[in-house]
Protein backbone atom coordinates (compact mmCIF):
# COMPACT_ATOMS: atom_id res chain seq x y z
CA MET A 1 -18.03 2.06 0.29
CA SER A 2 -20.75 4.33 -1.10
CA ALA A 3 -20.80 7.61 -2.98
CA ALA A 4 -21.60 9.30 0.35
CA ASP A 5 -18.09 8.55 1.59
CA GLU A 6 -15.17 10.86 1.01
CA LEU A 7 -12.53 9.12 -1.08
CA LEU A 8 -8.88 9.99 -0.57
CA LEU A 9 -6.34 8.56 -2.99
CA THR A 10 -2.61 9.15 -3.02
CA PHE A 11 0.15 7.47 -5.00
CA ALA A 12 3.56 8.00 -6.57
CA LEU A 13 3.90 9.78 -9.90
CA ARG A 14 7.29 9.46 -11.60
CA ASP A 15 8.45 10.27 -15.13
CA GLY A 16 4.90 11.24 -16.00
CA ARG A 17 3.55 7.79 -15.09
CA ALA A 18 1.57 6.22 -12.26
CA ILE A 19 0.98 2.56 -11.38
CA GLY A 20 -2.67 1.54 -11.80
CA LEU A 21 -3.81 5.01 -12.86
CA ASN A 22 -6.81 3.60 -14.73
CA ARG A 23 -7.99 1.90 -11.52
CA TYR A 24 -7.71 5.11 -9.50
CA LEU A 25 -9.71 7.04 -12.09
CA GLU A 26 -12.38 4.33 -12.11
CA ALA A 27 -12.60 4.50 -8.32
CA ILE A 28 -13.17 8.25 -8.54
CA ARG A 29 -16.04 7.75 -10.98
CA THR A 30 -17.76 4.82 -9.29
CA CYS A 31 -17.14 5.38 -5.58
CA ALA A 32 -17.33 9.14 -5.12
CA GLY A 33 -20.08 10.22 -7.49
CA VAL A 34 -17.68 12.15 -9.74
CA GLY A 35 -18.71 12.51 -13.39
CA ASP A 36 -16.60 12.18 -16.52
CA GLU A 37 -15.97 15.93 -16.76
CA GLU A 38 -14.65 16.14 -13.21
CA ALA A 39 -12.59 12.98 -13.71
CA ALA A 40 -11.06 14.54 -16.82
CA SER A 41 -10.07 17.58 -14.78
CA VAL A 42 -8.25 15.25 -12.37
CA VAL A 43 -6.15 13.98 -15.26
CA GLU A 44 -5.40 17.54 -16.38
CA LYS A 45 -4.19 18.44 -12.90
CA LEU A 46 -2.06 15.30 -12.76
CA ALA A 47 -0.57 16.20 -16.14
CA ALA A 48 0.38 19.61 -14.76
CA MET A 49 2.44 17.81 -12.08
CA CYS A 50 4.39 15.77 -14.62
CA PRO A 51 7.03 14.56 -14.92
CA GLY A 52 7.36 14.43 -11.13
CA PRO A 53 8.46 12.82 -8.90
CA VAL A 54 5.50 13.91 -6.82
CA ARG A 55 2.74 12.47 -4.63
CA PRO A 56 -0.70 13.58 -5.84
CA VAL A 57 -3.49 13.64 -3.25
CA ILE A 58 -7.01 13.31 -4.69
CA ARG A 59 -10.06 13.96 -2.53
CA ALA A 60 -13.50 13.27 -3.95
CA HIS A 61 -16.88 13.48 -2.27
CA ALA A 62 -20.47 13.79 -3.49
CA GLY A 63 -19.52 14.88 -6.98
CA THR A 64 -16.80 17.34 -5.99
CA MET A 65 -13.08 16.78 -5.97
CA SER A 66 -9.73 18.42 -5.32
CA VAL A 67 -6.20 17.53 -6.35
CA SER A 68 -3.13 18.69 -4.46
CA ARG A 69 0.55 17.83 -4.63
CA ARG A 70 2.88 16.63 -1.91
CA PRO A 71 6.57 15.73 -2.00
CA LEU A 72 7.25 12.10 -2.83
CA PRO A 73 9.31 10.48 -0.04
CA ALA A 74 12.77 9.27 -0.97
CA SER A 75 12.86 5.69 -2.22
CA MET A 76 13.82 3.17 0.47
CA PRO A 77 13.90 -0.52 -0.60
CA GLU A 78 13.75 -1.91 2.95
CA VAL A 79 11.78 -1.02 6.05
CA GLN A 80 11.96 -1.65 9.79
CA VAL A 81 8.61 -2.53 11.35
CA LEU A 82 7.51 -2.35 14.97
CA ALA A 83 6.45 -5.89 15.90
CA GLU A 84 4.61 -4.67 19.02
CA ALA A 85 1.39 -4.28 17.07
CA VAL A 86 -0.79 -1.19 17.49
CA PRO A 87 -4.43 -2.07 18.36
CA ASP A 88 -6.52 -1.30 15.29
CA ALA A 89 -8.89 1.55 16.19
CA ARG A 90 -9.86 2.52 12.64
CA VAL A 91 -13.53 3.26 12.10
CA ARG A 92 -13.81 2.75 8.32
CA PRO A 93 -10.86 0.72 7.02
CA ALA A 94 -12.62 -0.01 3.72
CA VAL A 95 -12.66 3.70 2.79
CA PRO A 96 -9.24 5.00 1.66
CA GLY A 97 -8.23 7.98 3.79
CA ALA A 98 -11.18 7.80 6.20
CA ASP A 99 -8.97 7.19 9.24
CA LEU A 100 -5.92 9.11 8.02
CA GLY A 101 -5.72 11.40 11.06
CA TRP A 102 -5.54 8.52 13.53
CA LEU A 103 -3.11 6.56 11.34
CA ASN A 104 -0.74 9.52 10.99
CA GLN A 105 -0.83 10.13 14.74
CA GLN A 106 0.12 6.51 15.43
CA LEU A 107 2.78 6.52 12.71
CA ASN A 108 4.47 9.58 14.22
CA ARG A 109 4.68 7.77 17.55
CA VAL A 110 6.16 4.70 15.88
CA ILE A 111 8.78 6.74 14.03
CA SER A 112 9.80 8.37 17.31
CA ARG A 113 10.62 4.85 18.56
CA GLY A 114 12.99 4.20 15.67
CA ALA A 115 10.73 2.18 13.36
CA ASP A 116 9.40 3.06 9.91
CA ASP A 117 6.01 1.42 10.38
CA ALA A 118 4.07 -0.87 12.74
CA LEU A 119 1.75 -3.84 12.53
CA LEU A 120 -1.94 -3.19 13.13
CA ARG A 121 -3.37 -5.75 15.55
CA ILE A 122 -6.74 -7.37 14.86
CA THR A 123 -6.52 -9.79 17.76
CA PRO A 124 -3.46 -10.95 19.72
CA GLY A 125 -0.94 -12.37 17.27
CA LEU A 126 -2.88 -11.45 14.10
CA SER A 127 -2.57 -8.40 11.82
CA SER A 128 -4.30 -7.28 8.64
CA GLN A 129 -1.69 -4.70 7.56
CA THR A 130 0.65 -2.02 8.88
CA LEU A 131 -0.22 1.58 9.66
CA SER A 132 0.71 2.70 6.15
CA ALA A 133 0.91 -0.38 3.94
CA ALA A 134 -0.45 -3.78 3.02
CA LEU A 135 1.45 -6.96 3.89
CA VAL A 136 2.53 -9.91 1.75
CA CYS A 137 4.40 -12.80 3.39
CA PHE A 138 6.21 -15.66 1.62
CA ALA A 139 6.49 -19.19 2.99
CA GLU A 140 7.22 -22.41 1.13
CA GLU A 141 7.12 -20.69 -2.29
CA GLN A 142 3.65 -19.26 -1.59
CA ALA A 143 2.41 -15.71 -1.04
CA PHE A 144 0.16 -15.10 1.96
CA VAL A 145 -2.15 -12.07 2.16
CA SER A 146 -4.85 -10.94 4.55
CA THR A 147 -8.49 -10.83 3.45
CA HIS A 148 -9.76 -9.91 6.91
CA PRO A 149 -12.55 -7.27 6.69
CA SER A 150 -10.23 -4.68 8.25
CA THR A 151 -7.74 -5.01 5.38
CA SER A 152 -7.85 -1.80 3.35
CA PRO A 153 -8.19 -2.11 -0.43
CA SER A 154 -4.98 -1.60 -2.43
CA VAL A 155 -4.57 -1.14 -6.17
CA LEU A 156 -0.88 -2.01 -5.94
CA VAL A 157 -1.50 -5.22 -3.97
CA ASP A 158 -4.06 -6.38 -6.54
CA MET A 159 -1.59 -5.78 -9.36
CA LEU A 160 1.27 -7.40 -7.43
CA LEU A 161 -0.73 -10.55 -6.73
CA ASP A 162 -1.68 -10.79 -10.40
CA GLU A 163 2.00 -10.65 -11.37
CA LEU A 164 3.04 -13.17 -8.72
CA ALA A 165 0.33 -15.58 -9.85
CA HIS A 166 1.47 -15.11 -13.45
CA ALA A 167 4.99 -16.03 -12.29
CA GLY A 168 3.61 -19.27 -10.85
CA ILE A 169 3.56 -18.26 -7.18
CA PRO A 170 0.43 -19.63 -5.42
CA ILE A 171 -1.58 -16.99 -3.57
CA ARG A 172 -3.00 -17.95 -0.17
CA HIS A 173 -5.69 -15.74 1.33
CA ARG A 174 -6.05 -15.60 5.10
CA ALA A 175 -9.47 -14.42 6.28
CA GLU A 176 -8.23 -14.24 9.87
CA GLY A 177 -5.28 -12.01 8.93
CA LEU A 178 -1.57 -12.81 9.00
CA SER A 179 0.03 -14.20 12.12
CA ARG A 180 3.00 -12.51 13.69
CA ALA A 181 4.76 -15.88 13.83
CA LEU A 182 4.34 -16.37 10.07
CA MET A 183 5.70 -12.92 9.25
CA THR A 184 8.66 -12.92 11.61
CA SER A 185 9.70 -16.39 10.44
CA ASN A 186 9.47 -15.67 6.72
CA GLU A 187 10.26 -12.87 4.29
CA THR A 188 7.58 -10.20 4.46
CA TRP A 189 6.95 -7.19 2.23
CA THR A 190 5.09 -3.96 2.86
CA VAL A 191 3.16 -2.70 -0.16
CA SER A 192 2.24 0.97 -0.46
CA ALA A 193 1.10 3.12 -3.38
CA VAL A 194 3.42 5.87 -2.12
CA HIS A 195 6.49 3.92 -0.95
CA GLY A 196 6.22 0.94 -3.29
CA ILE A 197 7.15 -2.66 -2.47
CA ARG A 198 9.68 -2.97 0.34
CA ARG A 199 11.19 -5.92 2.17
CA VAL A 200 10.99 -5.89 5.95
CA ARG A 201 14.64 -5.84 7.00
CA GLY A 202 14.02 -5.96 10.74
CA TRP A 203 11.39 -6.23 13.46
CA LEU A 204 11.68 -3.75 16.32
CA GLU A 205 10.61 -5.17 19.65
CA TYR A 206 11.23 -3.87 23.17
CA GLY A 207 13.85 -1.48 21.84
CA SER A 208 15.84 -4.13 19.97
CA ALA A 209 15.90 -4.69 16.21
CA LEU A 210 15.68 -8.35 15.22
CA PRO A 211 16.86 -9.22 11.68
CA ALA A 212 13.98 -10.31 9.45
CA ALA A 213 13.89 -13.63 7.63
CA GLN A 214 14.81 -13.63 3.95
CA LEU A 215 13.81 -15.70 0.95
CA PRO A 216 15.84 -18.92 0.77
CA ALA A 217 18.54 -19.33 -1.85
CA GLY A 218 17.26 -20.71 -5.14
CA THR A 219 13.67 -19.61 -4.54
CA ASN A 220 11.31 -19.06 -7.45
CA VAL A 221 9.88 -15.97 -5.73
CA PRO A 222 11.15 -12.71 -7.26
CA SER A 223 12.70 -10.17 -4.90
CA ALA A 224 10.82 -7.13 -3.62
CA VAL A 225 13.15 -4.91 -5.66
CA GLU A 226 12.40 -6.90 -8.82
CA MET A 227 8.64 -6.74 -8.28
CA ASP A 228 8.74 -3.02 -7.53
CA ALA A 229 10.60 -2.49 -10.81
CA ARG A 230 8.04 -4.68 -12.58
CA MET A 231 5.19 -2.54 -11.28
CA TRP A 232 6.85 0.56 -12.73
CA GLU A 233 7.20 -1.23 -16.06
CA LEU A 234 3.40 -1.50 -15.99
CA ALA A 235 2.89 2.13 -14.94
CA GLN A 236 0.64 4.15 -17.24
CA PRO A 237 1.52 7.56 -18.73
CA VAL A 238 -0.81 10.31 -17.56
CA ALA A 239 -0.76 11.64 -21.13
CA ASP A 240 -2.61 8.50 -22.30
CA PHE A 241 -5.71 9.65 -20.37
CA LEU A 242 -5.86 13.23 -21.65
């Protein structure tokens, strides 16, 4: 993305801390043409929201920025995903927030069908992410992630993969996206800066909820709950940036 693009960032803020806050502030400086003084004002506005819980929404464009607050959704460790993938009609998936209107419209339709989220379809049988989150799938003690060009960037995914690699879990990148067969046959997580790391508990298809696969007993892969807690251990106090 370029400084000409509007950048929209939103994430969870709890107990005065945010996961990957330094990375969000760097994105504001480098991707939206915002100077140090304006970036400092972002931190001041975040500090005014502390301790939370709250969901800050930061919009930056051509050197200007705004910060607003939204309620942080209740924590939900598992999620039900619509397996009937929505055709991906985003225009600028590489720019956070650029296609938010279309995504929210689709998400509202999915929720009305009884699901929490839905796969986004690249081509038949392949997805890069869901409407509101990134995807990480585990098979044979390995983590699989999409690196297809339509996969939106994610601070939390980058940090999660670093921690998984540190724990000895091999990371496998799939340039074509993740196959539906891989995800429905193996434990899959959704990863969102707002909702955190959540295990897919079921796949909704043709009105029926099919139980999702789980990690096998004795696996070396940490659970989604454990990794979400680990991310919050790494969360940075807003006060450190004042």
